[in-house]
């Protein structure tokens, strides 16, 4: 369990809270475990740590997108080429992707 400073002293976080603070690292570890070779993303502050990890990994080809819709083609193309890819989406991108798949 980690302790973080707060105004009233030290704040102790439970395992669930600690995991929430490190979710980008957990997702990146899963990307490595399953062999993700391409990651598409629209730059976004919420994903900045995960994007940084992917950009700095020489085994992952990172692709900056202008819209999440472009990522559907990226992931499909990777699959057709025999590679695994991931698409990072903001919450609004999930709705966009569902509209594209209709």
C-alpha atoms as a PDB file:
ATOM      1  CA  UNK A   1       0.000   0.000   0.000  1.00  0.00           C
ATOM      2  CA  UNK A   2       1.365   3.431  -0.948  1.00  0.00           C
ATOM      3  CA  UNK A   3       1.348   6.542   1.188  1.00  0.00           C
ATOM      4  CA  UNK A   4       1.031   9.983  -0.328  1.00  0.00           C
ATOM      5  CA  UNK A   5       1.349  13.328   1.445  1.00  0.00           C
ATOM      6  CA  UNK A   6      -1.810  15.290   2.141  1.00  0.00           C
ATOM      7  CA  UNK A   7      -2.598  18.518   3.997  1.00  0.00           C
ATOM      8  CA  UNK A   8      -3.314  16.630   7.189  1.00  0.00           C
ATOM      9  CA  UNK A   9      -0.297  14.330   6.993  1.00  0.00           C
ATOM     10  CA  UNK A  10       0.036  11.144   5.025  1.00  0.00           C
ATOM     11  CA  UNK A  11      -2.774   9.668   2.983  1.00  0.00           C
ATOM     12  CA  UNK A  12      -2.790   5.905   2.705  1.00  0.00           C
ATOM     13  CA  UNK A  13      -4.327   4.440  -0.413  1.00  0.00           C
ATOM     14  CA  UNK A  14      -5.819   0.987  -0.712  1.00  0.00           C
ATOM     15  CA  UNK A  15      -4.863  -1.424  -3.486  1.00  0.00           C
ATOM     16  CA  UNK A  16      -7.786  -0.351  -5.699  1.00  0.00           C
ATOM     17  CA  UNK A  17      -6.893   3.348  -5.412  1.00  0.00           C
ATOM     18  CA  UNK A  18      -3.223   2.592  -6.041  1.00  0.00           C
ATOM     19  CA  UNK A  19      -4.103   0.581  -9.153  1.00  0.00           C
ATOM     20  CA  UNK A  20      -6.191   3.500 -10.427  1.00  0.00           C
ATOM     21  CA  UNK A  21      -3.107   5.725 -10.205  1.00  0.00           C
ATOM     22  CA  UNK A  22      -1.048   3.288 -12.299  1.00  0.00           C
ATOM     23  CA  UNK A  23      -3.568   2.165 -14.934  1.00  0.00           C
ATOM     24  CA  UNK A  24      -1.432   3.387 -17.873  1.00  0.00           C
ATOM     25  CA  UNK A  25       1.465   1.204 -16.734  1.00  0.00           C
ATOM     26  CA  UNK A  26      -0.835  -1.797 -16.324  1.00  0.00           C
ATOM     27  CA  UNK A  27      -2.282  -1.353 -19.817  1.00  0.00           C
ATOM     28  CA  UNK A  28       1.190  -0.898 -21.311  1.00  0.00           C
ATOM     29  CA  UNK A  29       2.363  -4.106 -19.600  1.00  0.00           C
ATOM     30  CA  UNK A  30      -0.625  -5.905 -21.128  1.00  0.00           C
ATOM     31  CA  UNK A  31       0.222  -4.464 -24.569  1.00  0.00           C
ATOM     32  CA  UNK A  32       3.716  -5.934 -24.231  1.00  0.00           C
ATOM     33  CA  UNK A  33       2.413  -9.251 -22.928  1.00  0.00           C
ATOM     34  CA  UNK A  34       0.024  -9.805 -25.865  1.00  0.00           C
ATOM     35  CA  UNK A  35       2.391  -8.480 -28.542  1.00  0.00           C
ATOM     36  CA  UNK A  36       0.802  -5.172 -29.533  1.00  0.00           C
ATOM     37  CA  UNK A  37       3.006  -3.737 -32.298  1.00  0.00           C
ATOM     38  CA  UNK A  38       0.982  -0.676 -33.359  1.00  0.00           C
ATOM     39  CA  UNK A  39      -0.892   1.862 -31.231  1.00  0.00           C
ATOM     40  CA  UNK A  40      -3.092   4.557 -32.715  1.00  0.00           C
ATOM     41  CA  UNK A  41      -4.261   7.549 -30.700  1.00  0.00           C
ATOM     42  CA  UNK A  42      -5.619  11.067 -30.857  1.00  0.00           C
ATOM     43  CA  UNK A  43      -3.360  13.123 -28.535  1.00  0.00           C
ATOM     44  CA  UNK A  44      -5.120  13.586 -25.214  1.00  0.00           C
ATOM     45  CA  UNK A  45      -4.020  14.489 -21.697  1.00  0.00           C
ATOM     46  CA  UNK A  46      -5.875  11.567 -20.117  1.00  0.00           C
ATOM     47  CA  UNK A  47      -3.774   9.066 -22.061  1.00  0.00           C
ATOM     48  CA  UNK A  48      -0.500  11.022 -21.898  1.00  0.00           C
ATOM     49  CA  UNK A  49       1.384   8.510 -19.701  1.00  0.00           C
ATOM     50  CA  UNK A  50       0.279   5.519 -21.795  1.00  0.00           C
ATOM     51  CA  UNK A  51       1.112   7.389 -25.017  1.00  0.00           C
ATOM     52  CA  UNK A  52       4.552   8.265 -23.638  1.00  0.00           C
ATOM     53  CA  UNK A  53       5.248   4.619 -22.792  1.00  0.00           C
ATOM     54  CA  UNK A  54       4.245   3.507 -26.298  1.00  0.00           C
ATOM     55  CA  UNK A  55       6.200   6.268 -28.066  1.00  0.00           C
ATOM     56  CA  UNK A  56       9.351   5.370 -26.113  1.00  0.00           C
ATOM     57  CA  UNK A  57       9.058   1.654 -26.898  1.00  0.00           C
ATOM     58  CA  UNK A  58      11.110   0.756 -30.010  1.00  0.00           C
ATOM     59  CA  UNK A  59       8.929  -2.367 -30.520  1.00  0.00           C
ATOM     60  CA  UNK A  60       5.715  -0.349 -30.858  1.00  0.00           C
ATOM     61  CA  UNK A  61       4.940   1.803 -33.886  1.00  0.00           C
ATOM     62  CA  UNK A  62       2.883   4.739 -32.598  1.00  0.00           C
ATOM     63  CA  UNK A  63       0.481   6.463 -34.975  1.00  0.00           C
ATOM     64  CA  UNK A  64      -0.954   9.904 -34.251  1.00  0.00           C
ATOM     65  CA  UNK A  65      -4.524  10.139 -35.564  1.00  0.00           C
ATOM     66  CA  UNK A  66      -6.742  13.152 -36.175  1.00  0.00           C
ATOM     67  CA  UNK A  67      -9.955  11.208 -35.436  1.00  0.00           C
ATOM     68  CA  UNK A  68     -10.733   7.873 -33.820  1.00  0.00           C
ATOM     69  CA  UNK A  69     -12.362   6.722 -37.060  1.00  0.00           C
ATOM     70  CA  UNK A  70      -8.910   6.583 -38.664  1.00  0.00           C
ATOM     71  CA  UNK A  71      -7.898   4.123 -35.966  1.00  0.00           C
ATOM     72  CA  UNK A  72     -10.447   1.570 -37.138  1.00  0.00           C
ATOM     73  CA  UNK A  73      -8.557   1.351 -40.446  1.00  0.00           C
ATOM     74  CA  UNK A  74      -5.221   1.188 -38.629  1.00  0.00           C
ATOM     75  CA  UNK A  75      -6.308  -1.730 -36.444  1.00  0.00           C
ATOM     76  CA  UNK A  76      -7.977  -3.554 -39.353  1.00  0.00           C
ATOM     77  CA  UNK A  77      -4.894  -3.097 -41.529  1.00  0.00           C
ATOM     78  CA  UNK A  78      -2.607  -4.359 -38.779  1.00  0.00           C
ATOM     79  CA  UNK A  79      -4.773  -7.457 -38.355  1.00  0.00           C
ATOM     80  CA  UNK A  80      -4.758  -8.112 -42.101  1.00  0.00           C
ATOM     81  CA  UNK A  81      -0.968  -7.766 -42.040  1.00  0.00           C
ATOM     82  CA  UNK A  82      -0.630 -10.248 -39.194  1.00  0.00           C
ATOM     83  CA  UNK A  83       0.143  -7.763 -36.429  1.00  0.00           C
ATOM     84  CA  UNK A  84      -1.699  -6.806 -33.281  1.00  0.00           C
ATOM     85  CA  UNK A  85      -2.732  -3.191 -32.785  1.00  0.00           C
ATOM     86  CA  UNK A  86      -4.531  -1.141 -30.163  1.00  0.00           C
ATOM     87  CA  UNK A  87      -6.582   2.010 -30.484  1.00  0.00           C
ATOM     88  CA  UNK A  88      -6.632   4.452 -27.568  1.00  0.00           C
ATOM     89  CA  UNK A  89      -9.930   6.317 -27.402  1.00  0.00           C
ATOM     90  CA  UNK A  90     -11.308   9.062 -25.252  1.00  0.00           C
ATOM     91  CA  UNK A  91     -14.801   8.411 -23.940  1.00  0.00           C
ATOM     92  CA  UNK A  92     -16.332  10.368 -26.840  1.00  0.00           C
ATOM     93  CA  UNK A  93     -14.356   8.236 -29.295  1.00  0.00           C
ATOM     94  CA  UNK A  94     -16.185   5.122 -28.163  1.00  0.00           C
ATOM     95  CA  UNK A  95     -19.461   6.546 -29.463  1.00  0.00           C
ATOM     96  CA  UNK A  96     -17.785   7.600 -32.711  1.00  0.00           C
ATOM     97  CA  UNK A  97     -16.413   4.097 -33.245  1.00  0.00           C
ATOM     98  CA  UNK A  98     -19.807   2.519 -32.624  1.00  0.00           C
ATOM     99  CA  UNK A  99     -21.345   4.826 -35.260  1.00  0.00           C
ATOM    100  CA  UNK A 100     -18.606   3.807 -37.751  1.00  0.00           C
ATOM    101  CA  UNK A 101     -19.329   0.124 -37.251  1.00  0.00           C
ATOM    102  CA  UNK A 102     -23.046   0.407 -38.033  1.00  0.00           C
END
